[in-house]
Amino acid sequence: MRVACGILSAALLCASAAGQDYPGKPVRLLIGFPTGGNVDVVGRIVAQKMSEGFGQQVLPENRTGAGSIIANEHVAKSAPDGYTLLVVSGAFVTQAATMRKLPYDPIRDFSWISTVVTYPLVLSVRSDSRFKTLDEFIGYVRSNPGKVNYPSPGMGTLYHLAGEMFVSMAGIDMQHVPFRGGSEPLTEVLSGRMELLIDALTNSYPHIQGGKFRPLAVTSLARSASLPNVPTVAQSVPGYEASSFLGIAGPPGMPGAIVERANREVRRVVALPEIARRFAEWGGTPSASSPEEMRRLVRAEIEKWKRVVEARKIELP
């Protein structure tokens, strides 16, 4: 018993020392999307501020491909020393809900550190659209089943699933038209070829501010501070809620002391007033969490979108 206690004490001391010494060299922060998008921009801001707090560089690295799956897999199979981290986006949970097979387990194969920002989606039309409210839009679609289309950047994306949940809960018949990512959905609505855009507020906000889009509703349960006069979808479709998030994770098996040190640093960054201002410019809300809270959020979001996939009979790749 005395030997066992000695071994346990030594292990605890080593873990504590690891946390105190971390990081002792630069940290890589993998971003699974190209430069310039909101995931990349937020990842780079967080990396810069974490570098200042760590006293070591946090180096953002765009490892793109397969909608971030390549970056996710790389981190899931990296050494659990805290020197390879990942920006987790809403795509992470929708992929887990819609794909039959992934090269990692979306819960077990990651060490959760903290969420960073949350943001709703927004349902928008062109600024000169005939629709002034979401109720008007729903009423028109009910009277014209199957005649209105909505675009998304691809099958199984958050925007697709949010649209399918909206169609189901509103009791309407609206057709989904998938594209291959990029700005095509926005262009389709701006051109007038399609009526409704379902997009992240972080993406749509500049176009709303610029007068190109009229927001009909946000998808969060509460109104967005960035669009306080815009109602929620739930005011027209009770119980509807959809949102996205960005967070930080690492490989499975990271020592608790290192997870705690990284979590403390992310919390410090997210609490900075300048970060809150930057996020607000894109319609985001600073949202730091504990590692366990992030794990629960990821699991709950996966289960939520799985229910939508099953209810709407969406074919899985």
Protein backbone atom coordinates (compact mmCIF):
# COMPACT_ATOMS: atom_id res chain seq x y z
CA MET A 1 0.00 0.00 0.00
CA ARG A 2 2.85 2.36 0.91
CA VAL A 3 4.55 1.66 -2.45
CA ALA A 4 1.28 2.25 -4.33
CA CYS A 5 0.74 5.56 -2.54
CA GLY A 6 4.28 6.56 -3.40
CA ILE A 7 3.72 5.79 -7.07
CA LEU A 8 0.43 7.71 -7.06
CA SER A 9 2.03 10.71 -5.36
CA ALA A 10 4.86 10.72 -7.88
CA ALA A 11 2.38 10.59 -10.75
CA LEU A 12 0.39 13.50 -9.33
CA LEU A 13 3.55 15.53 -8.83
CA CYS A 14 4.64 14.84 -12.41
CA ALA A 15 1.22 15.88 -13.73
CA SER A 16 1.30 19.06 -11.67
CA ALA A 17 4.80 19.87 -12.89
CA ALA A 18 3.70 19.25 -16.49
CA GLY A 19 0.94 21.80 -16.08
CA GLN A 20 3.29 24.36 -14.52
CA ASP A 21 5.92 23.91 -17.24
CA TYR A 22 3.42 23.97 -20.10
CA PRO A 23 3.96 25.28 -22.67
CA GLY A 24 7.71 24.98 -22.97
CA LYS A 25 7.75 25.38 -26.75
CA PRO A 26 5.46 26.71 -29.52
CA VAL A 27 1.95 25.24 -29.77
CA ARG A 28 0.27 24.43 -33.10
CA LEU A 29 -3.39 25.39 -33.46
CA LEU A 30 -4.93 23.55 -36.41
CA ILE A 31 -7.72 25.22 -38.37
CA GLY A 32 -9.56 22.91 -40.74
CA PHE A 33 -10.79 25.65 -43.07
CA PRO A 34 -9.13 28.06 -45.54
CA THR A 35 -7.86 31.49 -44.59
CA GLY A 36 -10.31 34.36 -44.49
CA GLY A 37 -13.40 32.58 -43.16
CA ASN A 38 -14.83 33.18 -39.71
CA VAL A 39 -13.28 29.98 -38.29
CA ASP A 40 -9.85 31.08 -39.51
CA VAL A 41 -10.24 34.67 -38.32
CA VAL A 42 -11.37 33.67 -34.82
CA GLY A 43 -8.66 30.98 -34.62
CA ARG A 44 -5.95 33.49 -35.48
CA ILE A 45 -7.19 36.06 -32.99
CA VAL A 46 -7.28 33.45 -30.23
CA ALA A 47 -3.82 32.15 -31.20
CA GLN A 48 -2.34 35.64 -31.02
CA LYS A 49 -3.79 36.37 -27.59
CA MET A 50 -2.89 32.93 -26.22
CA SER A 51 0.69 33.52 -27.37
CA GLU A 52 0.83 36.64 -25.24
CA GLY A 53 -0.43 34.80 -22.15
CA PHE A 54 1.62 31.64 -22.64
CA GLY A 55 4.89 33.40 -23.37
CA GLN A 56 5.20 30.93 -26.24
CA GLN A 57 3.96 31.21 -29.79
CA VAL A 58 0.62 29.61 -30.63
CA LEU A 59 0.95 29.05 -34.36
CA PRO A 60 -2.26 28.88 -36.43
CA GLU A 61 -2.01 26.27 -39.16
CA ASN A 62 -4.62 25.84 -41.87
CA ARG A 63 -4.88 22.10 -42.54
CA THR A 64 -7.82 22.04 -44.91
CA GLY A 65 -9.74 19.25 -46.58
CA ALA A 66 -12.94 17.22 -46.20
CA GLY A 67 -14.71 20.00 -44.34
CA SER A 68 -12.14 20.00 -41.48
CA ILE A 69 -12.09 16.20 -41.08
CA ILE A 70 -8.40 16.06 -42.06
CA ALA A 71 -7.46 18.53 -39.32
CA ASN A 72 -9.72 16.76 -36.81
CA GLU A 73 -8.14 13.39 -37.55
CA HIS A 74 -4.62 14.77 -37.30
CA VAL A 75 -5.29 16.17 -33.84
CA ALA A 76 -7.15 13.03 -32.71
CA LYS A 77 -4.01 10.99 -33.53
CA SER A 78 -1.42 13.46 -32.18
CA ALA A 79 0.62 13.09 -29.02
CA PRO A 80 -1.39 14.13 -25.94
CA ASP A 81 1.19 16.69 -24.81
CA GLY A 82 -0.83 19.85 -25.50
CA TYR A 83 1.36 21.03 -28.37
CA THR A 84 -1.19 20.23 -31.08
CA LEU A 85 -4.60 21.82 -30.58
CA LEU A 86 -7.68 22.20 -32.78
CA VAL A 87 -10.27 24.86 -33.52
CA VAL A 88 -13.59 23.00 -33.32
CA SER A 89 -16.49 24.45 -35.32
CA GLY A 90 -20.15 23.67 -35.84
CA ALA A 91 -19.15 21.47 -38.77
CA PHE A 92 -17.65 19.02 -36.27
CA VAL A 93 -21.02 18.12 -34.78
CA THR A 94 -23.01 18.03 -38.02
CA GLN A 95 -20.42 15.72 -39.60
CA ALA A 96 -20.73 13.40 -36.62
CA ALA A 97 -24.52 13.46 -37.02
CA THR A 98 -24.62 12.88 -40.78
CA MET A 99 -21.63 10.72 -41.73
CA ARG A 100 -21.76 6.95 -41.33
CA LYS A 101 -18.05 6.65 -40.64
CA LEU A 102 -15.38 9.06 -39.41
CA PRO A 103 -11.68 8.32 -38.86
CA TYR A 104 -12.09 9.20 -35.18
CA ASP A 105 -14.68 9.00 -32.43
CA PRO A 106 -16.12 12.52 -32.08
CA ILE A 107 -16.37 12.29 -28.31
CA ARG A 108 -13.72 9.87 -27.02
CA ASP A 109 -10.87 10.89 -29.32
CA PHE A 110 -10.52 14.48 -28.09
CA SER A 111 -9.63 16.34 -24.94
CA TRP A 112 -12.12 19.19 -24.62
CA ILE A 113 -10.67 22.50 -23.45
CA SER A 114 -13.19 25.35 -23.84
CA THR A 115 -15.71 26.91 -26.14
CA VAL A 116 -14.73 30.37 -27.38
CA VAL A 117 -17.71 31.98 -29.11
CA THR A 118 -21.31 31.10 -29.89
CA TYR A 119 -23.46 32.63 -32.58
CA PRO A 120 -26.90 32.06 -34.05
CA LEU A 121 -27.82 31.61 -37.65
CA VAL A 122 -30.00 34.21 -39.34
CA LEU A 123 -32.77 33.80 -41.91
CA SER A 124 -32.46 36.62 -44.42
CA VAL A 125 -33.96 37.77 -47.70
CA ARG A 126 -32.84 40.41 -50.16
CA SER A 127 -33.44 43.93 -48.92
CA ASP A 128 -36.01 44.51 -51.68
CA SER A 129 -37.84 41.23 -51.03
CA ARG A 130 -41.63 41.15 -50.78
CA PHE A 131 -41.26 39.45 -47.39
CA LYS A 132 -41.04 41.78 -44.42
CA THR A 133 -41.50 39.18 -41.67
CA LEU A 134 -40.91 35.49 -41.13
CA ASP A 135 -44.65 34.94 -40.69
CA GLU A 136 -45.24 36.39 -44.17
CA PHE A 137 -42.59 34.06 -45.58
CA ILE A 138 -44.04 30.98 -43.86
CA GLY A 139 -47.54 31.90 -45.03
CA TYR A 140 -46.41 32.21 -48.62
CA VAL A 141 -44.56 28.89 -48.61
CA ARG A 142 -47.59 27.14 -47.09
CA SER A 143 -49.70 28.49 -49.94
CA ASN A 144 -47.10 27.53 -52.53
CA PRO A 145 -45.71 24.14 -51.45
CA GLY A 146 -42.54 23.03 -53.19
CA LYS A 147 -42.12 26.28 -55.12
CA VAL A 148 -39.56 27.96 -52.85
CA ASN A 149 -35.95 26.79 -52.64
CA TYR A 150 -33.24 27.53 -50.11
CA PRO A 151 -29.51 27.05 -50.77
CA SER A 152 -26.78 25.71 -48.51
CA PRO A 153 -23.04 25.13 -48.86
CA GLY A 154 -23.61 21.38 -48.95
CA MET A 155 -25.53 18.34 -47.78
CA GLY A 156 -25.19 17.74 -44.07
CA THR A 157 -23.90 21.22 -43.26
CA LEU A 158 -25.32 23.10 -40.30
CA TYR A 159 -27.23 25.39 -42.69
CA HIS A 160 -28.81 22.43 -44.45
CA LEU A 161 -29.85 20.76 -41.20
CA ALA A 162 -31.11 24.04 -39.72
CA GLY A 163 -33.22 24.46 -42.85
CA GLU A 164 -34.59 20.92 -42.61
CA MET A 165 -35.51 21.45 -38.97
CA PHE A 166 -37.22 24.74 -39.89
CA VAL A 167 -39.22 23.08 -42.68
CA SER A 168 -40.29 20.26 -40.36
CA MET A 169 -41.24 22.39 -37.38
CA ALA A 170 -42.96 25.09 -39.46
CA GLY A 171 -44.94 22.48 -41.38
CA ILE A 172 -43.95 23.80 -44.81
CA ASP A 173 -42.63 22.31 -48.05
CA MET A 174 -39.42 24.03 -49.13
CA GLN A 175 -36.74 22.47 -51.32
CA HIS A 176 -33.06 22.31 -50.38
CA VAL A 177 -30.47 23.10 -53.07
CA PRO A 178 -26.91 22.14 -52.02
CA PHE A 179 -23.79 23.79 -53.40
CA ARG A 180 -20.13 22.95 -52.88
CA GLY A 181 -19.30 25.42 -50.14
CA GLY A 182 -18.04 28.91 -50.78
CA SER A 183 -20.22 31.94 -51.37
CA GLU A 184 -22.68 30.40 -53.87
CA PRO A 185 -25.67 30.34 -51.46
CA LEU A 186 -25.23 34.02 -50.68
CA THR A 187 -24.87 34.83 -54.38
CA GLU A 188 -28.03 32.88 -55.22
CA VAL A 189 -30.11 34.96 -52.82
CA LEU A 190 -28.46 38.25 -53.73
CA SER A 191 -29.17 37.55 -57.40
CA GLY A 192 -32.83 36.84 -56.67
CA ARG A 193 -32.69 33.26 -57.93
CA MET A 194 -33.61 32.02 -54.45
CA GLU A 195 -35.63 33.68 -51.73
CA LEU A 196 -34.17 32.67 -48.37
CA LEU A 197 -30.62 32.50 -47.01
CA ILE A 198 -29.90 30.52 -43.85
CA ASP A 199 -26.41 31.45 -42.79
CA ALA A 200 -24.25 32.13 -39.75
CA LEU A 201 -24.82 35.60 -38.36
CA THR A 202 -21.04 36.00 -38.47
CA ASN A 203 -21.21 35.66 -42.28
CA SER A 204 -24.42 37.60 -42.95
CA TYR A 205 -23.93 40.46 -40.51
CA PRO A 206 -21.75 42.65 -42.79
CA HIS A 207 -24.28 42.28 -45.64
CA ILE A 208 -27.15 43.12 -43.30
CA GLN A 209 -25.27 46.19 -42.07
CA GLY A 210 -24.52 47.10 -45.68
CA GLY A 211 -28.19 47.03 -46.60
CA LYS A 212 -28.04 44.04 -48.97
CA PHE A 213 -30.07 41.69 -46.79
CA ARG A 214 -33.17 42.03 -44.65
CA PRO A 215 -32.99 39.72 -41.60
CA LEU A 216 -36.29 38.01 -40.85
CA ALA A 217 -35.28 36.10 -37.73
CA VAL A 218 -32.36 34.73 -35.76
CA THR A 219 -32.25 31.09 -34.75
CA SER A 220 -31.23 31.47 -31.11
CA LEU A 221 -33.87 31.29 -28.38
CA ALA A 222 -33.07 34.85 -27.32
CA ARG A 223 -32.64 37.83 -29.61
CA SER A 224 -29.12 38.64 -30.70
CA ALA A 225 -27.44 41.68 -29.14
CA SER A 226 -26.12 42.45 -32.62
CA LEU A 227 -29.66 42.54 -34.08
CA PRO A 228 -31.85 43.47 -31.11
CA ASN A 229 -34.84 44.43 -33.26
CA VAL A 230 -34.89 41.15 -35.17
CA PRO A 231 -37.22 38.48 -33.72
CA THR A 232 -36.31 34.86 -33.15
CA VAL A 233 -37.54 31.99 -35.29
CA ALA A 234 -39.07 30.57 -32.10
CA GLN A 235 -41.50 33.50 -31.98
CA SER A 236 -43.07 32.12 -35.16
CA VAL A 237 -42.10 28.45 -34.77
CA PRO A 238 -42.22 27.63 -31.04
CA GLY A 239 -39.27 25.59 -29.77
CA TYR A 240 -37.03 26.18 -32.76
CA GLU A 241 -33.36 26.76 -31.89
CA ALA A 242 -30.16 26.38 -33.84
CA SER A 243 -26.76 27.87 -33.19
CA SER A 244 -23.11 27.29 -33.80
CA PHE A 245 -19.93 27.64 -31.82
CA LEU A 246 -16.17 27.63 -32.02
CA GLY A 247 -13.98 26.06 -29.37
CA ILE A 248 -10.59 24.57 -28.62
CA ALA A 249 -9.79 20.86 -28.20
CA GLY A 250 -6.73 18.64 -28.14
CA PRO A 251 -5.82 14.96 -28.59
CA PRO A 252 -7.28 12.35 -26.24
CA GLY A 253 -5.47 11.65 -23.01
CA MET A 254 -4.02 15.10 -22.36
CA PRO A 255 -2.96 15.40 -18.69
CA GLY A 256 -5.55 17.20 -16.61
CA ALA A 257 -3.05 19.85 -15.52
CA ILE A 258 -2.31 20.77 -19.14
CA VAL A 259 -6.01 20.85 -20.02
CA GLU A 260 -6.59 23.11 -17.03
CA ARG A 261 -3.72 25.42 -18.03
CA ALA A 262 -5.01 25.70 -21.59
CA ASN A 263 -8.57 26.24 -20.35
CA ARG A 264 -7.41 29.01 -18.03
CA GLU A 265 -5.66 30.74 -20.92
CA VAL A 266 -8.66 30.48 -23.26
CA ARG A 267 -10.90 31.89 -20.53
CA ARG A 268 -8.51 34.82 -20.07
CA VAL A 269 -8.54 35.55 -23.80
CA VAL A 270 -12.33 35.30 -24.13
CA ALA A 271 -12.78 37.69 -21.18
CA LEU A 272 -10.75 40.46 -22.84
CA PRO A 273 -12.97 43.49 -23.71
CA GLU A 274 -11.33 43.82 -27.12
CA ILE A 275 -12.25 40.20 -27.93
CA ALA A 276 -15.86 40.84 -26.95
CA ARG A 277 -15.90 43.85 -29.28
CA ARG A 278 -14.40 41.88 -32.18
CA PHE A 279 -16.87 39.02 -31.73
CA ALA A 280 -19.80 41.45 -31.51
CA GLU A 281 -18.81 42.91 -34.88
CA TRP A 282 -19.63 39.49 -36.39
CA GLY A 283 -22.69 38.79 -34.29
CA GLY A 284 -20.89 36.42 -31.91
CA THR A 285 -21.02 36.16 -28.11
CA PRO A 286 -17.92 35.32 -26.05
CA SER A 287 -18.66 31.94 -24.46
CA ALA A 288 -15.88 30.31 -22.48
CA SER A 289 -16.68 27.02 -20.74
CA SER A 290 -15.19 24.29 -18.63
CA PRO A 291 -13.84 21.21 -20.44
CA GLU A 292 -16.80 19.17 -19.20
CA GLU A 293 -19.30 21.80 -20.36
CA MET A 294 -17.76 21.72 -23.83
CA ARG A 295 -17.90 17.92 -23.93
CA ARG A 296 -21.59 18.00 -22.97
CA LEU A 297 -22.31 20.65 -25.61
CA VAL A 298 -20.64 18.63 -28.36
CA ARG A 299 -22.50 15.46 -27.37
CA ALA A 300 -25.87 17.27 -27.14
CA GLU A 301 -25.44 18.95 -30.53
CA ILE A 302 -24.53 15.66 -32.21
CA GLU A 303 -27.63 13.99 -30.76
CA LYS A 304 -29.84 16.93 -31.74
CA TRP A 305 -28.80 16.87 -35.39
CA LYS A 306 -28.99 13.08 -35.51
CA ARG A 307 -32.68 13.40 -34.62
CA VAL A 308 -33.17 15.85 -37.50
CA VAL A 309 -31.40 13.48 -39.91
CA GLU A 310 -33.64 10.60 -38.83
CA ALA A 311 -36.85 12.63 -38.86
CA ARG A 312 -36.19 14.09 -42.31
CA LYS A 313 -34.82 10.80 -43.68
CA ILE A 314 -31.65 12.47 -44.93
CA GLU A 315 -29.42 10.06 -46.84
CA LEU A 316 -26.07 9.63 -45.11
CA PRO A 317 -22.78 9.53 -47.09
